[in-house]
Amino acid sequence: MNTRTLTLALSSACLGLALWGSALPTAHADFDDHEMARQALQQGKVLPLRTVLDKVEKEYSGQVVELEFESERGQFVYDIRLLQTDGTMLKIKMDAVDGKVIYVQQRRKH
């Protein structure tokens, strides 16, 4: 298991622990989101996560610390947070269908 996979696994584990204590409707909504993502991938409607991470690695330097798959106004997107070595946090919104970057927002450390 490489560092990136471990980071994503740890982020998922932390998210899972946070969700454990949440109300049941939220857990149900998270299951629906997971199912939506699984179906979109199986039907070839979105790029696989590995493809998205490879693209982000080529275009930006840093460590992925958070990743979310969402449907916004009928468009599938990946929201990615990337921590760069200088402490800058990038928020990258990427079209999950073609991998095109929708926007990048920088947040520098204070």
Protein backbone atom coordinates (compact mmCIF):
# COMPACT_ATOMS: atom_id res chain seq x y z
CA MET A 1 0.00 0.00 0.00
CA ASN A 2 1.54 3.32 -1.05
CA THR A 3 1.35 6.55 0.94
CA ARG A 4 -1.49 7.99 -1.17
CA THR A 5 -3.61 4.88 -0.74
CA LEU A 6 -2.90 4.87 2.98
CA THR A 7 -3.86 8.55 3.26
CA LEU A 8 -7.13 7.96 1.43
CA ALA A 9 -7.79 4.88 3.57
CA LEU A 10 -7.12 6.85 6.76
CA SER A 11 -9.33 9.71 5.58
CA SER A 12 -12.08 7.20 4.82
CA ALA A 13 -11.64 5.57 8.24
CA CYS A 14 -11.86 8.94 10.00
CA LEU A 15 -14.92 9.84 7.95
CA GLY A 16 -16.46 6.49 8.84
CA LEU A 17 -15.89 7.11 12.55
CA ALA A 18 -17.40 10.57 12.28
CA LEU A 19 -20.44 9.16 10.50
CA TRP A 20 -20.89 6.41 13.09
CA GLY A 21 -22.00 8.99 15.63
CA SER A 22 -24.26 10.85 13.24
CA ALA A 23 -27.99 10.48 12.85
CA LEU A 24 -29.36 7.57 10.86
CA PRO A 25 -30.74 9.69 7.96
CA THR A 26 -27.23 11.01 7.30
CA ALA A 27 -25.84 7.48 7.21
CA HIS A 28 -28.59 6.52 4.78
CA ALA A 29 -27.75 9.52 2.57
CA ASP A 30 -24.08 8.50 2.59
CA PHE A 31 -25.05 4.99 1.48
CA ASP A 32 -27.09 6.51 -1.37
CA ASP A 33 -24.08 8.64 -2.41
CA HIS A 34 -21.84 5.57 -2.37
CA GLU A 35 -24.34 3.62 -4.46
CA MET A 36 -24.65 6.52 -6.94
CA ALA A 37 -20.86 6.62 -7.35
CA ARG A 38 -20.61 2.84 -7.76
CA GLN A 39 -23.31 2.77 -10.43
CA ALA A 40 -21.84 5.72 -12.34
CA LEU A 41 -18.44 4.01 -12.42
CA GLN A 42 -19.85 0.62 -13.44
CA GLN A 43 -21.84 2.25 -16.25
CA GLY A 44 -18.74 4.05 -17.51
CA LYS A 45 -20.24 7.46 -16.82
CA VAL A 46 -17.26 8.67 -14.74
CA LEU A 47 -13.51 8.23 -14.64
CA PRO A 48 -12.06 5.77 -12.13
CA LEU A 49 -10.46 7.28 -9.05
CA ARG A 50 -7.00 6.04 -10.08
CA THR A 51 -7.24 7.95 -13.36
CA VAL A 52 -8.27 11.12 -11.52
CA LEU A 53 -5.42 10.79 -8.99
CA ASP A 54 -2.89 10.20 -11.79
CA LYS A 55 -4.07 13.37 -13.52
CA VAL A 56 -3.85 15.41 -10.31
CA GLU A 57 -0.32 14.06 -9.63
CA LYS A 58 0.83 15.14 -13.10
CA GLU A 59 -0.58 18.65 -12.87
CA TYR A 60 -0.07 19.57 -9.20
CA SER A 61 2.49 18.68 -6.56
CA GLY A 62 1.39 17.64 -3.10
CA GLN A 63 -0.46 15.02 -1.11
CA VAL A 64 -4.17 14.29 -1.52
CA VAL A 65 -5.70 14.64 1.94
CA GLU A 66 -9.39 14.52 1.08
CA LEU A 67 -11.48 13.42 -1.86
CA GLU A 68 -15.23 13.49 -2.39
CA PHE A 69 -17.42 12.32 -5.26
CA GLU A 70 -20.56 14.37 -5.71
CA SER A 71 -23.38 15.11 -8.09
CA GLU A 72 -23.93 18.85 -8.45
CA ARG A 73 -26.85 20.00 -10.59
CA GLY A 74 -26.69 16.75 -12.55
CA GLN A 75 -22.91 16.90 -13.08
CA PHE A 76 -20.61 14.35 -11.43
CA VAL A 77 -17.55 15.99 -9.85
CA TYR A 78 -14.55 15.03 -7.76
CA ASP A 79 -13.69 17.53 -5.00
CA ILE A 80 -10.03 17.07 -4.10
CA ARG A 81 -8.01 18.74 -1.35
CA LEU A 82 -4.28 18.65 -1.91
CA LEU A 83 -1.70 19.74 0.67
CA GLN A 84 1.48 21.08 -0.89
CA THR A 85 4.91 20.96 0.75
CA ASP A 86 4.86 24.72 1.46
CA GLY A 87 1.63 24.32 3.45
CA THR A 88 -0.67 25.61 0.72
CA MET A 89 -3.98 23.76 0.50
CA LEU A 90 -5.47 23.42 -2.97
CA LYS A 91 -9.14 22.69 -3.48
CA ILE A 92 -9.57 21.21 -6.93
CA LYS A 93 -12.97 20.59 -8.47
CA MET A 94 -12.75 18.20 -11.40
CA ASP A 95 -15.38 16.99 -13.85
CA ALA A 96 -15.68 13.26 -13.10
CA VAL A 97 -16.72 12.49 -16.67
CA ASP A 98 -13.75 13.88 -18.62
CA GLY A 99 -11.22 14.88 -15.92
CA LYS A 100 -11.33 18.56 -16.87
CA VAL A 101 -10.47 20.88 -13.99
CA ILE A 102 -13.43 23.13 -13.24
CA TYR A 103 -11.54 25.32 -10.78
CA VAL A 104 -8.64 25.44 -8.37
CA GLN A 105 -8.74 27.45 -5.17
CA GLN A 106 -5.63 28.08 -3.07
CA ARG A 107 -5.57 28.61 0.66
CA ARG A 108 -2.15 29.56 1.96
CA LYS A 109 -1.03 28.88 5.50
CA HIS A 110 -0.92 31.91 7.78
